[in-house]
Amino acid sequence: MLRTFKNLMQDESGATAIEYGLIAALVSVAAITALQAMGSSLDTIFGIVSTELNDAASGVQQTGTGG
């Protein structure tokens, strides 16, 4: 029984799995934070692109030069 307990205390495979889990959680939090920070600027950029495309499509339809 003492040998089993000693082997259990020396086994570090569980600690390694926990460390990998913590690293994955840290990377996930960093990615979420970065994407949230970029979210509003991306929303603005895509809004501008959408407006420009809609204006361009309206201009093509009005002149009748659409394909």
PDB file of N, CA and C in Angstrom:
ATOM      1  N   MET A   1       0.829  -1.185   0.000  1.00  0.00           N
ATOM      2  CA  MET A   1       0.000   0.000   0.000  1.00  0.00           C
ATOM      3  C   MET A   1       0.877   1.255   0.000  1.00  0.00           C
ATOM      4  N   LEU A   2       1.963   1.240   0.738  1.00  0.00           N
ATOM      5  CA  LEU A   2       2.876   2.372   0.789  1.00  0.00           C
ATOM      6  C   LEU A   2       3.515   2.586  -0.579  1.00  0.00           C
ATOM      7  N   ARG A   3       3.845   1.499  -1.267  1.00  0.00           N
ATOM      8  CA  ARG A   3       4.445   1.605  -2.602  1.00  0.00           C
ATOM      9  C   ARG A   3       3.443   2.230  -3.601  1.00  0.00           C
ATOM     10  N   THR A   4       2.178   1.850  -3.521  1.00  0.00           N
ATOM     11  CA  THR A   4       1.153   2.405  -4.405  1.00  0.00           C
ATOM     12  C   THR A   4       1.002   3.906  -4.168  1.00  0.00           C
ATOM     13  N   PHE A   5       0.992   4.311  -2.905  1.00  0.00           N
ATOM     14  CA  PHE A   5       0.876   5.726  -2.580  1.00  0.00           C
ATOM     15  C   PHE A   5       2.092   6.498  -3.068  1.00  0.00           C
ATOM     16  N   LYS A   6       3.279   5.910  -2.922  1.00  0.00           N
ATOM     17  CA  LYS A   6       4.507   6.553  -3.382  1.00  0.00           C
ATOM     18  C   LYS A   6       4.491   6.716  -4.907  1.00  0.00           C
ATOM     19  N   ASN A   7       4.050   5.681  -5.619  1.00  0.00           N
ATOM     20  CA  ASN A   7       3.945   5.761  -7.078  1.00  0.00           C
ATOM     21  C   ASN A   7       2.924   6.820  -7.503  1.00  0.00           C
ATOM     22  N   LEU A   8       1.839   6.899  -6.762  1.00  0.00           N
ATOM     23  CA  LEU A   8       0.811   7.885  -7.072  1.00  0.00           C
ATOM     24  C   LEU A   8       1.348   9.307  -6.885  1.00  0.00           C
ATOM     25  N   MET A   9       2.123   9.531  -5.874  1.00  0.00           N
ATOM     26  CA  MET A   9       2.674  10.859  -5.602  1.00  0.00           C
ATOM     27  C   MET A   9       3.734  11.259  -6.633  1.00  0.00           C
ATOM     28  N   GLN A  10       4.396  10.279  -7.222  1.00  0.00           N
ATOM     29  CA  GLN A  10       5.444  10.575  -8.204  1.00  0.00           C
ATOM     30  C   GLN A  10       4.890  10.703  -9.625  1.00  0.00           C
ATOM     31  N   ASP A  11       3.666  10.275  -9.839  1.00  0.00           N
ATOM     32  CA  ASP A  11       3.065  10.341 -11.167  1.00  0.00           C
ATOM     33  C   ASP A  11       2.670  11.779 -11.467  1.00  0.00           C
ATOM     34  N   GLU A  12       3.240  12.357 -12.525  1.00  0.00           N
ATOM     35  CA  GLU A  12       2.982  13.752 -12.881  1.00  0.00           C
ATOM     36  C   GLU A  12       2.154  13.892 -14.160  1.00  0.00           C
ATOM     37  N   SER A  13       1.596  12.819 -14.672  1.00  0.00           N
ATOM     38  CA  SER A  13       0.838  12.902 -15.919  1.00  0.00           C
ATOM     39  C   SER A  13      -0.432  13.733 -15.739  1.00  0.00           C
ATOM     40  N   GLY A  14      -1.059  13.665 -14.594  1.00  0.00           N
ATOM     41  CA  GLY A  14      -2.247  14.484 -14.347  1.00  0.00           C
ATOM     42  C   GLY A  14      -1.905  15.959 -14.290  1.00  0.00           C
ATOM     43  N   ALA A  15      -0.759  16.275 -13.696  1.00  0.00           N
ATOM     44  CA  ALA A  15      -0.330  17.666 -13.613  1.00  0.00           C
ATOM     45  C   ALA A  15      -0.068  18.236 -15.006  1.00  0.00           C
ATOM     46  N   THR A  16       0.497  17.423 -15.879  1.00  0.00           N
ATOM     47  CA  THR A  16       0.765  17.877 -17.244  1.00  0.00           C
ATOM     48  C   THR A  16      -0.545  18.167 -17.974  1.00  0.00           C
ATOM     49  N   ALA A  17      -1.537  17.317 -17.794  1.00  0.00           N
ATOM     50  CA  ALA A  17      -2.832  17.536 -18.433  1.00  0.00           C
ATOM     51  C   ALA A  17      -3.474  18.821 -17.922  1.00  0.00           C
ATOM     52  N   ILE A  18      -3.360  19.073 -16.635  1.00  0.00           N
ATOM     53  CA  ILE A  18      -3.915  20.299 -16.054  1.00  0.00           C
ATOM     54  C   ILE A  18      -3.191  21.515 -16.615  1.00  0.00           C
ATOM     55  N   GLU A  19      -1.879  21.432 -16.750  1.00  0.00           N
ATOM     56  CA  GLU A  19      -1.113  22.553 -17.308  1.00  0.00           C
ATOM     57  C   GLU A  19      -1.549  22.845 -18.747  1.00  0.00           C
ATOM     58  N   TYR A  20      -1.726  21.808 -19.557  1.00  0.00           N
ATOM     59  CA  TYR A  20      -2.190  22.010 -20.932  1.00  0.00           C
ATOM     60  C   TYR A  20      -3.588  22.627 -20.943  1.00  0.00           C
ATOM     61  N   GLY A  21      -4.425  22.199 -20.044  1.00  0.00           N
ATOM     62  CA  GLY A  21      -5.774  22.773 -19.942  1.00  0.00           C
ATOM     63  C   GLY A  21      -5.735  24.243 -19.578  1.00  0.00           C
ATOM     64  N   LEU A  22      -4.861  24.605 -18.650  1.00  0.00           N
ATOM     65  CA  LEU A  22      -4.731  26.009 -18.262  1.00  0.00           C
ATOM     66  C   LEU A  22      -4.177  26.857 -19.401  1.00  0.00           C
ATOM     67  N   ILE A  23      -3.233  26.313 -20.140  1.00  0.00           N
ATOM     68  CA  ILE A  23      -2.682  27.039 -21.291  1.00  0.00           C
ATOM     69  C   ILE A  23      -3.771  27.243 -22.341  1.00  0.00           C
ATOM     70  N   ALA A  24      -4.558  26.216 -22.614  1.00  0.00           N
ATOM     71  CA  ALA A  24      -5.641  26.336 -23.593  1.00  0.00           C
ATOM     72  C   ALA A  24      -6.666  27.374 -23.141  1.00  0.00           C
ATOM     73  N   ALA A  25      -6.972  27.394 -21.856  1.00  0.00           N
ATOM     74  CA  ALA A  25      -7.923  28.380 -21.339  1.00  0.00           C
ATOM     75  C   ALA A  25      -7.365  29.789 -21.475  1.00  0.00           C
ATOM     76  N   LEU A  26      -6.088  29.967 -21.199  1.00  0.00           N
ATOM     77  CA  LEU A  26      -5.460  31.285 -21.319  1.00  0.00           C
ATOM     78  C   LEU A  26      -5.461  31.763 -22.766  1.00  0.00           C
ATOM     79  N   VAL A  27      -5.144  30.877 -23.686  1.00  0.00           N
ATOM     80  CA  VAL A  27      -5.160  31.239 -25.112  1.00  0.00           C
ATOM     81  C   VAL A  27      -6.579  31.599 -25.543  1.00  0.00           C
ATOM     82  N   SER A  28      -7.566  30.867 -25.070  1.00  0.00           N
ATOM     83  CA  SER A  28      -8.960  31.151 -25.418  1.00  0.00           C
ATOM     84  C   SER A  28      -9.391  32.519 -24.911  1.00  0.00           C
ATOM     85  N   VAL A  29      -9.032  32.838 -23.674  1.00  0.00           N
ATOM     86  CA  VAL A  29      -9.388  34.145 -23.107  1.00  0.00           C
ATOM     87  C   VAL A  29      -8.708  35.261 -23.893  1.00  0.00           C
ATOM     88  N   ALA A  30      -7.442  35.072 -24.260  1.00  0.00           N
ATOM     89  CA  ALA A  30      -6.728  36.085 -25.041  1.00  0.00           C
ATOM     90  C   ALA A  30      -7.375  36.268 -26.410  1.00  0.00           C
ATOM     91  N   ALA A  31      -7.767  35.180 -27.060  1.00  0.00           N
ATOM     92  CA  ALA A  31      -8.394  35.268 -28.372  1.00  0.00           C
ATOM     93  C   ALA A  31      -9.748  35.970 -28.291  1.00  0.00           C
ATOM     94  N   ILE A  32     -10.536  35.636 -27.284  1.00  0.00           N
ATOM     95  CA  ILE A  32     -11.847  36.271 -27.120  1.00  0.00           C
ATOM     96  C   ILE A  32     -11.684  37.768 -26.868  1.00  0.00           C
ATOM     97  N   THR A  33     -10.734  38.123 -26.034  1.00  0.00           N
ATOM     98  CA  THR A  33     -10.488  39.537 -25.741  1.00  0.00           C
ATOM     99  C   THR A  33     -10.064  40.295 -26.988  1.00  0.00           C
ATOM    100  N   ALA A  34      -9.171  39.711 -27.764  1.00  0.00           N
ATOM    101  CA  ALA A  34      -8.703  40.369 -28.988  1.00  0.00           C
ATOM    102  C   ALA A  34      -9.829  40.510 -30.007  1.00  0.00           C
ATOM    103  N   LEU A  35     -10.639  39.476 -30.159  1.00  0.00           N
ATOM    104  CA  LEU A  35     -11.742  39.536 -31.119  1.00  0.00           C
ATOM    105  C   LEU A  35     -12.808  40.536 -30.701  1.00  0.00           C
ATOM    106  N   GLN A  36     -13.055  40.650 -29.399  1.00  0.00           N
ATOM    107  CA  GLN A  36     -14.012  41.647 -28.926  1.00  0.00           C
ATOM    108  C   GLN A  36     -13.488  43.054 -29.167  1.00  0.00           C
ATOM    109  N   ALA A  37     -12.200  43.262 -28.986  1.00  0.00           N
ATOM    110  CA  ALA A  37     -11.615  44.573 -29.223  1.00  0.00           C
ATOM    111  C   ALA A  37     -11.691  44.935 -30.702  1.00  0.00           C
ATOM    112  N   MET A  38     -11.535  43.963 -31.560  1.00  0.00           N
ATOM    113  CA  MET A  38     -11.594  44.205 -33.002  1.00  0.00           C
ATOM    114  C   MET A  38     -13.026  44.232 -33.523  1.00  0.00           C
ATOM    115  N   GLY A  39     -13.960  43.727 -32.762  1.00  0.00           N
ATOM    116  CA  GLY A  39     -15.335  43.575 -33.221  1.00  0.00           C
ATOM    117  C   GLY A  39     -15.970  44.856 -33.694  1.00  0.00           C
ATOM    118  N   SER A  40     -15.854  45.926 -32.922  1.00  0.00           N
ATOM    119  CA  SER A  40     -16.520  47.170 -33.309  1.00  0.00           C
ATOM    120  C   SER A  40     -15.883  47.778 -34.549  1.00  0.00           C
ATOM    121  N   SER A  41     -14.565  47.688 -34.660  1.00  0.00           N
ATOM    122  CA  SER A  41     -13.922  48.247 -35.851  1.00  0.00           C
ATOM    123  C   SER A  41     -14.259  47.413 -37.082  1.00  0.00           C
ATOM    124  N   LEU A  42     -14.332  46.100 -36.935  1.00  0.00           N
ATOM    125  CA  LEU A  42     -14.727  45.260 -38.064  1.00  0.00           C
ATOM    126  C   LEU A  42     -16.169  45.543 -38.473  1.00  0.00           C
ATOM    127  N   ASP A  43     -17.027  45.760 -37.493  1.00  0.00           N
ATOM    128  CA  ASP A  43     -18.420  46.082 -37.785  1.00  0.00           C
ATOM    129  C   ASP A  43     -18.499  47.385 -38.580  1.00  0.00           C
ATOM    130  N   THR A  44     -17.708  48.361 -38.206  1.00  0.00           N
ATOM    131  CA  THR A  44     -17.677  49.631 -38.935  1.00  0.00           C
ATOM    132  C   THR A  44     -17.170  49.440 -40.356  1.00  0.00           C
ATOM    133  N   ILE A  45     -16.099  48.693 -40.501  1.00  0.00           N
ATOM    134  CA  ILE A  45     -15.517  48.462 -41.834  1.00  0.00           C
ATOM    135  C   ILE A  45     -16.515  47.750 -42.741  1.00  0.00           C
ATOM    136  N   PHE A  46     -17.146  46.686 -42.240  1.00  0.00           N
ATOM    137  CA  PHE A  46     -18.103  45.953 -43.063  1.00  0.00           C
ATOM    138  C   PHE A  46     -19.339  46.793 -43.352  1.00  0.00           C
ATOM    139  N   GLY A  47     -19.713  47.669 -42.438  1.00  0.00           N
ATOM    140  CA  GLY A  47     -20.827  48.577 -42.696  1.00  0.00           C
ATOM    141  C   GLY A  47     -20.516  49.531 -43.841  1.00  0.00           C
ATOM    142  N   ILE A  48     -19.298  50.068 -43.858  1.00  0.00           N
ATOM    143  CA  ILE A  48     -18.873  50.973 -44.939  1.00  0.00           C
ATOM    144  C   ILE A  48     -18.844  50.225 -46.270  1.00  0.00           C
ATOM    145  N   VAL A  49     -18.296  49.028 -46.258  1.00  0.00           N
ATOM    146  CA  VAL A  49     -18.228  48.229 -47.493  1.00  0.00           C
ATOM    147  C   VAL A  49     -19.639  47.925 -47.992  1.00  0.00           C
ATOM    148  N   SER A  50     -20.533  47.562 -47.099  1.00  0.00           N
ATOM    149  CA  SER A  50     -21.905  47.256 -47.476  1.00  0.00           C
ATOM    150  C   SER A  50     -22.593  48.480 -48.088  1.00  0.00           C
ATOM    151  N   THR A  51     -22.399  49.634 -47.470  1.00  0.00           N
ATOM    152  CA  THR A  51     -22.987  50.868 -47.998  1.00  0.00           C
ATOM    153  C   THR A  51     -22.453  51.181 -49.387  1.00  0.00           C
ATOM    154  N   GLU A  52     -21.145  51.052 -49.555  1.00  0.00           N
ATOM    155  CA  GLU A  52     -20.540  51.336 -50.862  1.00  0.00           C
ATOM    156  C   GLU A  52     -21.046  50.369 -51.933  1.00  0.00           C
ATOM    157  N   LEU A  53     -21.169  49.103 -51.581  1.00  0.00           N
ATOM    158  CA  LEU A  53     -21.675  48.125 -52.554  1.00  0.00           C
ATOM    159  C   LEU A  53     -23.130  48.398 -52.909  1.00  0.00           C
ATOM    160  N   ASN A  54     -23.933  48.754 -51.911  1.00  0.00           N
ATOM    161  CA  ASN A  54     -25.332  49.077 -52.182  1.00  0.00           C
ATOM    162  C   ASN A  54     -25.441  50.312 -53.069  1.00  0.00           C
ATOM    163  N   ASP A  55     -24.624  51.325 -52.800  1.00  0.00           N
ATOM    164  CA  ASP A  55     -24.632  52.531 -53.625  1.00  0.00           C
ATOM    165  C   ASP A  55     -24.199  52.214 -55.056  1.00  0.00           C
ATOM    166  N   ALA A  56     -23.185  51.375 -55.194  1.00  0.00           N
ATOM    167  CA  ALA A  56     -22.709  51.000 -56.529  1.00  0.00           C
ATOM    168  C   ALA A  56     -23.776  50.215 -57.283  1.00  0.00           C
ATOM    169  N   ALA A  57     -24.458  49.296 -56.584  1.00  0.00           N
ATOM    170  CA  ALA A  57     -25.511  48.503 -57.221  1.00  0.00           C
ATOM    171  C   ALA A  57     -26.679  49.397 -57.615  1.00  0.00           C
ATOM    172  N   SER A  58     -27.013  50.374 -56.800  1.00  0.00           N
ATOM    173  CA  SER A  58     -28.093  51.311 -57.136  1.00  0.00           C
ATOM    174  C   SER A  58     -27.723  52.134 -58.355  1.00  0.00           C
ATOM    175  N   GLY A  59     -26.472  52.539 -58.444  1.00  0.00           N
ATOM    176  CA  GLY A  59     -26.023  53.317 -59.596  1.00  0.00           C
ATOM    177  C   GLY A  59     -26.084  52.520 -60.878  1.00  0.00           C
ATOM    178  N   VAL A  60     -25.741  51.252 -60.815  1.00  0.00           N
ATOM    179  CA  VAL A  60     -25.795  50.385 -62.001  1.00  0.00           C
ATOM    180  C   VAL A  60     -27.232  50.185 -62.434  1.00  0.00           C
ATOM    181  N   GLN A  61     -28.151  49.996 -61.491  1.00  0.00           N
ATOM    182  CA  GLN A  61     -29.544  49.769 -61.823  1.00  0.00           C
ATOM    183  C   GLN A  61     -30.178  51.032 -62.412  1.00  0.00           C
ATOM    184  N   GLN A  62     -29.789  52.187 -61.915  1.00  0.00           N
ATOM    185  CA  GLN A  62     -30.364  53.436 -62.406  1.00  0.00           C
ATOM    186  C   GLN A  62     -29.900  53.754 -63.828  1.00  0.00           C
ATOM    187  N   THR A  63     -28.653  53.447 -64.141  1.00  0.00           N
ATOM    188  CA  THR A  63     -28.140  53.761 -65.480  1.00  0.00           C
ATOM    189  C   THR A  63     -28.482  52.673 -66.486  1.00  0.00           C
ATOM    190  N   GLY A  64     -28.880  51.528 -66.003  1.00  0.00           N
ATOM    191  CA  GLY A  64     -29.246  50.440 -66.884  1.00  0.00           C
ATOM    192  C   GLY A  64     -28.059  49.766 -67.542  1.00  0.00           C
ATOM    193  N   THR A  65     -26.896  49.872 -66.935  1.00  0.00           N
ATOM    194  CA  THR A  65     -25.717  49.231 -67.518  1.00  0.00           C
ATOM    195  C   THR A  65     -25.402  47.918 -66.828  1.00  0.00           C
ATOM    196  N   GLY A  66     -26.340  47.416 -66.065  1.00  0.00           N
ATOM    197  CA  GLY A  66     -26.113  46.145 -65.365  1.00  0.00           C
ATOM    198  C   GLY A  66     -26.080  44.986 -66.324  1.00  0.00           C
ATOM    199  N   GLY A  67     -25.355  43.900 -65.883  1.00  0.00           N
ATOM    200  CA  GLY A  67     -25.172  42.747 -66.740  1.00  0.00           C
ATOM    201  C   GLY A  67     -26.253  41.830 -66.693  1.00  0.00           C
TER     202      GLY A  67
END
